[in-house]
């Protein structure tokens, strides 16, 4: 089993959870034959850690996050949070998709309030939880704006706020910055890191960007082509903020690229 602890603790007390994946295999039933997308995956994440998952397209990374969120059940294997087997979705495990998936007929406030409404809570127009999380993501001034009035980066902040309003202990990020332009992506990488440091939750990030993984994560797990298996782990021991010209970061980048099959030496 792959394990590890963060190299530096979040700024606030850790309220993240321990995650364990044991012998997970998942198959999709197709017309002709089952398609195995994940094979014998075992990994763990310590409370309050930030783990990145890297691997080629189609290796099951997004499927793994959906299983961790409880949206799908694995064909074989188990997933445990704090020693309890996952058997369905729960607000304490929040999944942020690549597409913000916001409701255009709702304001920014209304979209964020939806996170609380999903838990059966009635949300007042001045609910302090909604106001606080909008302040945390820098959108308090846009509370009454609609989706058509937002940039792509702002919409993704709303999607983050919608799950953060429930104060999740496990945040699952499925390439939430993948569709953004380079400058907005860098800005939101810093924002995600700041929110993680302030929130103390456990975070798992799926990304195709090696530099993004190195900027954000304590550990990087590399998956093989389909069916996805964990073929390597890289501990990122460079202090934050990390600079790509740091010799340690350059060496880690080359190590990850080699695990991904890019070895130009």
Foldseek 3Di string as FASTA:
>chain_A
DAEDAFLDAFPDDAPAWKKWWAQFWAWDQDDPGIFTQAGGATYMYHTLFEEEEAADPSQCPVVVLCVVQFVDPTPDTFMDINRHTRNHHDLLEAEQALQLPFDQVQFLLRRLCVLVVVVVDDADPPRPLSCVLCVLLVNNVRRGPGPVPDDLLVSLSSSVSSSCSSLHQEYEYENNCVPDDPVSSVVVLVSVQNCSSVSNHYYYYYDNDLVSRLQRGQKYFYFYHPNTYGPDMDGNNDDPRDDCVPPSNVVSSQVNCVSRVDDPD
